[in-house]
């Protein structure tokens, strides 16, 4: 069983985080530990018209899931810094913050572990586990860029939500699927319908 921590924060592009959780939970060998910030919940409502039922948590209020996949998603309260992912003894294979707001990016870069997302990210770094941050903000100012450099130097992977166009996307979902696949590639997880470069001359 592989265990992944996914944080969804208040950046635009929350569809990337939703599709990532759906892709990870689709595999019976995966367990997803989900943390949603209050701003992330607001963006879910504003961009996708989804208002998650968090207490008690109903994964189907947020995700389109295959049979049994909901049982592989665990929600942790954003403010609960005593939850499992806050501890280095909580074994996880990787953590992804998707989308990652510049506020969260800056907090992780500064070591401000003041909520469960930033604390879990800090723990992921200190334990030497993969931490992927998926910022969508553009353009970036110098503060954003310096924070990204600090995180990269600390071992994090900065994976901007920058879709390619060589696969000739016809829908928004084609663009989302490309970015999610890039995340899955870095996690060593096989995508269900991967987009791969094909040499036109081949």
Protein backbone atom coordinates (compact mmCIF):
# COMPACT_ATOMS: atom_id res chain seq x y z
CA UNK A 1 0.00 0.00 0.00
CA UNK A 2 1.36 3.42 -1.02
CA UNK A 3 0.29 6.39 1.08
CA UNK A 4 0.06 9.88 -0.40
CA UNK A 5 -0.72 13.18 1.33
CA UNK A 6 -2.54 15.72 -0.85
CA UNK A 7 -3.11 19.33 0.20
CA UNK A 8 -5.60 21.51 -1.67
CA UNK A 9 -5.15 25.25 -1.03
CA UNK A 10 -6.85 28.42 -2.19
CA UNK A 11 -5.18 28.94 -5.55
CA UNK A 12 -7.15 28.96 -8.77
CA UNK A 13 -6.92 25.67 -10.64
CA UNK A 14 -8.47 23.49 -7.93
CA UNK A 15 -9.52 21.07 -10.70
CA UNK A 16 -5.90 19.85 -10.77
CA UNK A 17 -6.12 18.74 -7.14
CA UNK A 18 -9.49 17.10 -7.65
CA UNK A 19 -8.30 15.10 -10.66
CA UNK A 20 -5.11 14.13 -8.83
CA UNK A 21 -7.02 12.67 -5.89
CA UNK A 22 -9.32 10.81 -8.27
CA UNK A 23 -6.34 9.35 -10.13
CA UNK A 24 -4.52 8.27 -6.96
CA UNK A 25 -7.60 6.80 -5.29
CA UNK A 26 -8.47 4.79 -8.40
CA UNK A 27 -5.66 2.35 -7.58
CA UNK A 28 -6.53 -0.18 -4.83
CA UNK A 29 -2.88 -0.09 -3.76
CA UNK A 30 -3.06 3.62 -2.84
CA UNK A 31 -4.25 5.49 0.23
CA UNK A 32 -4.85 9.25 -0.01
CA UNK A 33 -4.69 11.50 3.04
CA UNK A 34 -6.43 14.73 2.08
CA UNK A 35 -6.18 18.17 3.66
CA UNK A 36 -8.27 21.08 2.35
CA UNK A 37 -7.66 24.65 3.50
CA UNK A 38 -10.65 26.94 4.10
CA UNK A 39 -9.61 28.96 1.03
CA UNK A 40 -9.35 25.72 -0.93
CA UNK A 41 -12.93 24.84 0.03
CA UNK A 42 -14.06 28.26 -1.16
CA UNK A 43 -12.34 27.85 -4.53
CA UNK A 44 -13.94 24.41 -4.90
CA UNK A 45 -17.32 26.10 -4.60
CA UNK A 46 -16.44 29.05 -6.85
CA UNK A 47 -14.67 27.16 -9.67
CA UNK A 48 -16.39 23.77 -9.64
CA UNK A 49 -19.64 24.51 -7.79
CA UNK A 50 -18.72 21.75 -5.34
CA UNK A 51 -19.42 22.26 -1.68
CA UNK A 52 -17.76 19.36 0.08
CA UNK A 53 -19.51 17.71 2.97
CA UNK A 54 -16.64 17.59 5.42
CA UNK A 55 -18.35 16.47 8.63
CA UNK A 56 -19.03 13.65 8.23
CA UNK A 57 -16.80 13.56 5.18
CA UNK A 58 -18.44 12.38 1.97
CA UNK A 59 -15.80 11.90 -0.78
CA UNK A 60 -18.57 11.68 -3.37
CA UNK A 61 -19.45 15.32 -2.67
CA UNK A 62 -16.10 16.27 -4.19
CA UNK A 63 -14.84 13.54 -6.48
CA UNK A 64 -16.02 11.27 -9.25
CA UNK A 65 -14.89 7.92 -7.92
CA UNK A 66 -14.87 4.33 -9.06
CA UNK A 67 -16.43 1.74 -6.79
CA UNK A 68 -14.42 1.32 -3.60
CA UNK A 69 -12.21 4.37 -4.23
CA UNK A 70 -13.95 6.48 -1.57
CA UNK A 71 -12.73 4.06 1.09
CA UNK A 72 -9.14 4.95 0.18
CA UNK A 73 -9.51 8.69 0.91
CA UNK A 74 -9.04 10.01 4.44
CA UNK A 75 -9.79 13.66 5.24
CA UNK A 76 -7.81 15.45 7.96
CA UNK A 77 -8.98 18.80 9.41
CA UNK A 78 -6.87 21.73 8.26
CA UNK A 79 -6.37 23.07 11.78
CA UNK A 80 -5.54 19.72 13.40
CA UNK A 81 -1.77 19.88 13.80
CA UNK A 82 -1.98 16.76 15.94
CA UNK A 83 -3.25 14.62 13.04
CA UNK A 84 -1.13 11.79 11.65
CA UNK A 85 0.51 13.72 8.76
CA UNK A 86 1.93 16.21 11.27
CA UNK A 87 4.35 13.58 12.58
CA UNK A 88 7.49 12.21 11.01
CA UNK A 89 6.49 8.77 12.28
CA UNK A 90 3.44 8.89 9.99
CA UNK A 91 4.80 6.96 7.02
CA UNK A 92 3.93 8.48 3.66
CA UNK A 93 5.49 7.91 0.25
CA UNK A 94 5.09 11.53 -0.90
CA UNK A 95 3.13 14.75 -0.46
CA UNK A 96 1.63 16.99 -3.13
CA UNK A 97 0.16 20.46 -2.61
CA UNK A 98 -2.07 20.97 -5.62
CA UNK A 99 -2.86 23.69 -6.34
CA UNK A 100 -0.36 25.48 -4.14
CA UNK A 101 -1.15 29.11 -3.36
CA UNK A 102 1.77 31.53 -3.15
CA UNK A 103 0.84 32.06 0.51
CA UNK A 104 1.28 28.35 1.23
CA UNK A 105 4.45 28.25 -0.87
CA UNK A 106 5.91 31.12 1.14
CA UNK A 107 4.88 29.57 4.46
CA UNK A 108 6.51 26.23 3.61
CA UNK A 109 9.66 28.02 2.42
CA UNK A 110 9.84 29.91 5.72
CA UNK A 111 9.17 26.84 7.86
CA UNK A 112 5.87 28.22 9.18
CA UNK A 113 4.23 24.94 10.16
CA UNK A 114 1.10 26.61 11.54
CA UNK A 115 -1.58 24.40 9.95
CA UNK A 116 -1.73 20.77 8.89
CA UNK A 117 -0.78 21.42 5.25
CA UNK A 118 2.33 23.46 6.06
CA UNK A 119 3.24 21.18 8.98
CA UNK A 120 2.92 18.03 6.85
CA UNK A 121 5.03 19.68 4.14
CA UNK A 122 7.69 20.60 6.69
CA UNK A 123 7.70 17.02 7.99
CA UNK A 124 7.94 15.65 4.44
CA UNK A 125 11.04 17.74 3.80
CA UNK A 126 12.72 16.94 7.11
CA UNK A 127 12.13 13.22 6.59
CA UNK A 128 13.62 13.39 3.08
CA UNK A 129 10.43 12.32 1.31
CA UNK A 130 9.23 13.72 -2.03
CA UNK A 131 7.34 17.02 -1.73
CA UNK A 132 5.72 18.40 -4.89
CA UNK A 133 4.32 21.92 -5.02
CA UNK A 134 2.03 22.84 -7.93
CA UNK A 135 1.78 26.65 -8.13
CA UNK A 136 -0.59 28.15 -10.68
CA UNK A 137 -0.09 31.87 -10.02
CA UNK A 138 1.27 33.96 -12.89
CA UNK A 139 3.25 36.12 -13.29
CA UNK A 140 5.64 35.50 -10.39
CA UNK A 141 7.29 38.29 -8.49
CA UNK A 142 10.79 38.06 -7.05
CA UNK A 143 9.50 36.93 -3.64
CA UNK A 144 7.68 33.98 -5.24
CA UNK A 145 10.75 33.02 -7.25
CA UNK A 146 13.07 33.20 -4.24
CA UNK A 147 10.68 31.04 -2.24
CA UNK A 148 10.68 28.47 -5.04
CA UNK A 149 14.48 28.45 -5.12
CA UNK A 150 14.63 27.98 -1.33
CA UNK A 151 12.23 25.05 -1.56
CA UNK A 152 14.09 23.48 -4.48
CA UNK A 153 17.34 23.79 -2.51
CA UNK A 154 15.61 22.05 0.42
CA UNK A 155 14.64 19.15 -1.84
CA UNK A 156 11.12 20.05 -2.97
CA UNK A 157 9.95 19.66 -6.55
CA UNK A 158 8.36 22.76 -8.06
CA UNK A 159 5.91 21.64 -10.74
CA UNK A 160 3.97 24.62 -12.11
CA UNK A 161 0.55 23.94 -13.60
CA UNK A 162 1.82 24.63 -17.12
CA UNK A 163 0.12 22.33 -19.63
CA UNK A 164 1.73 21.52 -22.99
CA UNK A 165 -0.01 21.77 -26.34
CA UNK A 166 1.87 19.26 -28.49
CA UNK A 167 -0.89 16.72 -27.92
CA UNK A 168 -3.35 19.18 -29.51
CA UNK A 169 -5.78 19.45 -26.61
CA UNK A 170 -9.41 19.83 -27.62
CA UNK A 171 -10.89 20.33 -24.15
CA UNK A 172 -9.99 21.79 -20.77
CA UNK A 173 -9.88 18.23 -19.46
CA UNK A 174 -7.08 17.45 -21.95
CA UNK A 175 -5.01 20.27 -20.41
CA UNK A 176 -5.80 19.19 -16.84
CA UNK A 177 -4.97 15.57 -17.62
CA UNK A 178 -1.54 16.58 -18.92
CA UNK A 179 -0.59 18.41 -15.70
CA UNK A 180 -1.92 15.62 -13.49
CA UNK A 181 0.07 13.10 -15.51
CA UNK A 182 3.25 15.11 -14.91
CA UNK A 183 2.57 14.91 -11.17
CA UNK A 184 1.89 11.17 -11.36
CA UNK A 185 5.13 10.67 -13.32
CA UNK A 186 7.12 12.29 -10.51
CA UNK A 187 5.32 10.10 -7.99
CA UNK A 188 6.10 6.95 -9.98
CA UNK A 189 2.40 6.28 -10.53
CA UNK A 190 1.10 5.08 -13.89
CA UNK A 191 -1.54 7.31 -15.49
CA UNK A 192 -4.65 5.60 -16.83
CA UNK A 193 -4.49 7.31 -20.23
CA UNK A 194 -1.02 8.85 -20.53
CA UNK A 195 -0.11 11.62 -22.95
CA UNK A 196 3.33 10.96 -24.39
CA UNK A 197 5.44 12.78 -26.94
CA UNK A 198 5.41 11.18 -30.36
CA UNK A 199 8.18 12.19 -32.72
CA UNK A 200 6.39 13.37 -35.90
CA UNK A 201 9.34 12.11 -37.95
CA UNK A 202 9.19 8.62 -36.46
